[in-house]
Amino acid sequence: MRVPAGDRLELRLQRIEQLRFLERDGQNLAQASLRWLLEQPGVHCVIPGARTVEQLEANIAAVDGDVTAE
């Protein structure tokens, strides 16, 4: 897997920052992304990648939030 660097890395970081509005108190951007996916019609489950128990627990906590029309 090629790791982004230079301009490609900067572009990805800018795109991530544009999504920060999805974060809610007590939930990070990854959780907001999972929450958004789960709200989509026809999506019954998501398969997130977790490398640690802490990441897995954070992913599971994503189902506790709501997605608003905003």
N, C-alpha and C. Protein backbone atom coordinates (compact mmCIF):
# COMPACT_ATOMS: atom_id res chain seq x y z
N MET A 1 0.84 -1.18 0.00
CA MET A 1 0.00 0.00 0.00
C MET A 1 0.89 1.24 0.00
N ARG A 2 0.58 2.16 -0.88
CA ARG A 2 1.36 3.38 -0.99
C ARG A 2 0.84 4.42 0.00
N VAL A 3 1.71 4.94 0.82
CA VAL A 3 1.35 5.95 1.81
C VAL A 3 1.42 7.32 1.14
N PRO A 4 0.35 8.12 1.27
CA PRO A 4 0.37 9.45 0.64
C PRO A 4 1.43 10.34 1.28
N ALA A 5 2.02 11.18 0.46
CA ALA A 5 3.03 12.12 0.94
C ALA A 5 2.90 13.41 0.13
N GLY A 6 3.52 14.44 0.62
CA GLY A 6 3.55 15.71 -0.10
C GLY A 6 2.17 16.27 -0.38
N ASP A 7 1.92 16.64 -1.64
CA ASP A 7 0.65 17.24 -2.04
C ASP A 7 -0.52 16.29 -1.84
N ARG A 8 -0.32 15.01 -2.09
CA ARG A 8 -1.41 14.04 -1.92
C ARG A 8 -1.82 13.94 -0.45
N LEU A 9 -0.85 13.95 0.43
CA LEU A 9 -1.14 13.91 1.86
C LEU A 9 -1.88 15.18 2.27
N GLU A 10 -1.41 16.32 1.83
CA GLU A 10 -2.04 17.58 2.16
C GLU A 10 -3.49 17.63 1.68
N LEU A 11 -3.74 17.16 0.47
CA LEU A 11 -5.10 17.12 -0.06
C LEU A 11 -6.00 16.23 0.79
N ARG A 12 -5.51 15.08 1.18
CA ARG A 12 -6.31 14.18 2.02
C ARG A 12 -6.61 14.81 3.38
N LEU A 13 -5.63 15.46 3.96
CA LEU A 13 -5.84 16.11 5.25
C LEU A 13 -6.87 17.24 5.13
N GLN A 14 -6.84 17.98 4.05
CA GLN A 14 -7.83 19.04 3.83
C GLN A 14 -9.23 18.45 3.71
N ARG A 15 -9.35 17.34 3.01
CA ARG A 15 -10.67 16.70 2.86
C ARG A 15 -11.19 16.21 4.20
N ILE A 16 -10.30 15.67 5.01
CA ILE A 16 -10.71 15.20 6.33
C ILE A 16 -11.21 16.38 7.16
N GLU A 17 -10.52 17.49 7.12
CA GLU A 17 -10.93 18.67 7.89
C GLU A 17 -12.31 19.17 7.46
N GLN A 18 -12.65 19.02 6.19
CA GLN A 18 -13.96 19.45 5.70
C GLN A 18 -15.08 18.60 6.27
N LEU A 19 -14.76 17.44 6.81
CA LEU A 19 -15.78 16.54 7.37
C LEU A 19 -15.92 16.67 8.89
N ARG A 20 -15.10 17.50 9.50
CA ARG A 20 -15.12 17.62 10.96
C ARG A 20 -16.48 18.07 11.49
N PHE A 21 -17.29 18.73 10.67
CA PHE A 21 -18.61 19.18 11.13
C PHE A 21 -19.50 18.00 11.52
N LEU A 22 -19.15 16.80 11.09
CA LEU A 22 -19.93 15.61 11.43
C LEU A 22 -19.70 15.15 12.86
N GLU A 23 -18.61 15.57 13.47
CA GLU A 23 -18.29 15.14 14.82
C GLU A 23 -19.32 15.70 15.81
N ARG A 24 -19.58 14.95 16.82
CA ARG A 24 -20.47 15.38 17.90
C ARG A 24 -19.73 15.21 19.21
N ASP A 25 -20.23 15.85 20.26
CA ASP A 25 -19.60 15.70 21.57
C ASP A 25 -19.50 14.22 21.93
N GLY A 26 -18.32 13.81 22.31
CA GLY A 26 -18.12 12.44 22.74
C GLY A 26 -17.91 11.45 21.60
N GLN A 27 -17.94 11.91 20.35
CA GLN A 27 -17.71 11.01 19.22
C GLN A 27 -16.73 11.64 18.24
N ASN A 28 -15.81 10.82 17.74
CA ASN A 28 -14.80 11.32 16.82
C ASN A 28 -15.26 11.17 15.37
N LEU A 29 -14.40 11.55 14.44
CA LEU A 29 -14.76 11.52 13.03
C LEU A 29 -15.00 10.10 12.51
N ALA A 30 -14.23 9.15 12.97
CA ALA A 30 -14.44 7.76 12.56
C ALA A 30 -15.82 7.28 13.00
N GLN A 31 -16.20 7.61 14.21
CA GLN A 31 -17.52 7.23 14.71
C GLN A 31 -18.62 7.94 13.93
N ALA A 32 -18.42 9.20 13.61
CA ALA A 32 -19.40 9.95 12.82
C ALA A 32 -19.57 9.31 11.44
N SER A 33 -18.47 8.87 10.86
CA SER A 33 -18.53 8.22 9.55
C SER A 33 -19.32 6.93 9.62
N LEU A 34 -19.06 6.13 10.64
CA LEU A 34 -19.81 4.87 10.81
C LEU A 34 -21.28 5.15 11.04
N ARG A 35 -21.56 6.16 11.86
CA ARG A 35 -22.95 6.54 12.14
C ARG A 35 -23.66 6.94 10.86
N TRP A 36 -22.99 7.74 10.02
CA TRP A 36 -23.58 8.18 8.76
C TRP A 36 -23.85 6.97 7.85
N LEU A 37 -22.90 6.08 7.75
CA LEU A 37 -23.10 4.89 6.91
C LEU A 37 -24.30 4.07 7.37
N LEU A 38 -24.43 3.91 8.67
CA LEU A 38 -25.54 3.11 9.21
C LEU A 38 -26.90 3.74 8.97
N GLU A 39 -26.94 5.04 8.74
CA GLU A 39 -28.20 5.75 8.47
C GLU A 39 -28.64 5.65 7.01
N GLN A 40 -27.78 5.14 6.15
CA GLN A 40 -28.10 5.09 4.72
C GLN A 40 -29.10 3.97 4.43
N PRO A 41 -30.11 4.26 3.59
CA PRO A 41 -31.09 3.23 3.24
C PRO A 41 -30.38 2.03 2.60
N GLY A 42 -30.78 0.88 3.00
CA GLY A 42 -30.22 -0.34 2.42
C GLY A 42 -28.94 -0.82 3.09
N VAL A 43 -28.38 -0.01 3.98
CA VAL A 43 -27.18 -0.44 4.70
C VAL A 43 -27.63 -1.06 6.01
N HIS A 44 -27.29 -2.32 6.18
CA HIS A 44 -27.71 -3.03 7.39
C HIS A 44 -26.56 -3.21 8.36
N CYS A 45 -25.34 -3.16 7.87
CA CYS A 45 -24.18 -3.26 8.74
C CYS A 45 -22.97 -2.67 8.02
N VAL A 46 -21.98 -2.31 8.77
CA VAL A 46 -20.71 -1.85 8.21
C VAL A 46 -19.62 -2.71 8.82
N ILE A 47 -18.54 -2.84 8.10
CA ILE A 47 -17.41 -3.64 8.59
C ILE A 47 -16.21 -2.71 8.72
N PRO A 48 -16.06 -2.09 9.89
CA PRO A 48 -14.94 -1.17 10.07
C PRO A 48 -13.65 -1.94 10.35
N GLY A 49 -12.55 -1.32 10.05
CA GLY A 49 -11.26 -1.93 10.36
C GLY A 49 -10.80 -1.45 11.72
N ALA A 50 -10.57 -2.34 12.62
CA ALA A 50 -10.07 -2.00 13.95
C ALA A 50 -8.82 -2.82 14.21
N ARG A 51 -7.77 -2.15 14.64
CA ARG A 51 -6.51 -2.84 14.91
C ARG A 51 -6.28 -3.07 16.39
N THR A 52 -7.07 -2.37 17.21
CA THR A 52 -6.92 -2.52 18.66
C THR A 52 -8.29 -2.69 19.29
N VAL A 53 -8.29 -3.15 20.53
CA VAL A 53 -9.55 -3.28 21.26
C VAL A 53 -10.17 -1.90 21.46
N GLU A 54 -9.35 -0.90 21.70
CA GLU A 54 -9.85 0.46 21.90
C GLU A 54 -10.57 0.97 20.64
N GLN A 55 -10.01 0.69 19.47
CA GLN A 55 -10.66 1.09 18.22
C GLN A 55 -11.97 0.35 18.04
N LEU A 56 -11.99 -0.92 18.36
CA LEU A 56 -13.22 -1.70 18.26
C LEU A 56 -14.30 -1.14 19.18
N GLU A 57 -13.93 -0.82 20.40
CA GLU A 57 -14.90 -0.25 21.35
C GLU A 57 -15.41 1.10 20.86
N ALA A 58 -14.52 1.91 20.29
CA ALA A 58 -14.95 3.21 19.75
C ALA A 58 -15.91 3.02 18.58
N ASN A 59 -15.63 2.05 17.72
CA ASN A 59 -16.51 1.77 16.59
C ASN A 59 -17.89 1.33 17.06
N ILE A 60 -17.93 0.50 18.06
CA ILE A 60 -19.21 0.02 18.60
C ILE A 60 -20.01 1.19 19.19
N ALA A 61 -19.31 2.13 19.81
CA ALA A 61 -19.98 3.29 20.41
C ALA A 61 -20.63 4.19 19.37
N ALA A 62 -20.26 4.05 18.12
CA ALA A 62 -20.83 4.89 17.06
C ALA A 62 -22.33 4.69 16.91
N VAL A 63 -22.84 3.55 17.27
CA VAL A 63 -24.28 3.31 17.09
C VAL A 63 -25.12 4.09 18.09
N ASP A 64 -24.47 4.71 19.07
CA ASP A 64 -25.21 5.48 20.09
C ASP A 64 -25.61 6.87 19.63
N GLY A 65 -25.09 7.33 18.50
CA GLY A 65 -25.39 8.68 18.03
C GLY A 65 -26.47 8.71 16.97
N ASP A 66 -26.90 9.91 16.65
CA ASP A 66 -27.89 10.12 15.60
C ASP A 66 -27.30 11.01 14.52
N VAL A 67 -27.78 10.83 13.31
CA VAL A 67 -27.40 11.69 12.20
C VAL A 67 -28.57 12.62 11.94
N THR A 68 -28.28 13.90 11.86
CA THR A 68 -29.35 14.87 11.59
C THR A 68 -29.28 15.31 10.13
N ALA A 69 -30.30 15.98 9.67
CA ALA A 69 -30.34 16.46 8.30
C ALA A 69 -29.28 17.51 8.03
N GLU A 70 -28.77 18.14 9.07
CA GLU A 70 -27.72 19.15 8.92
C GLU A 70 -26.53 18.53 8.27
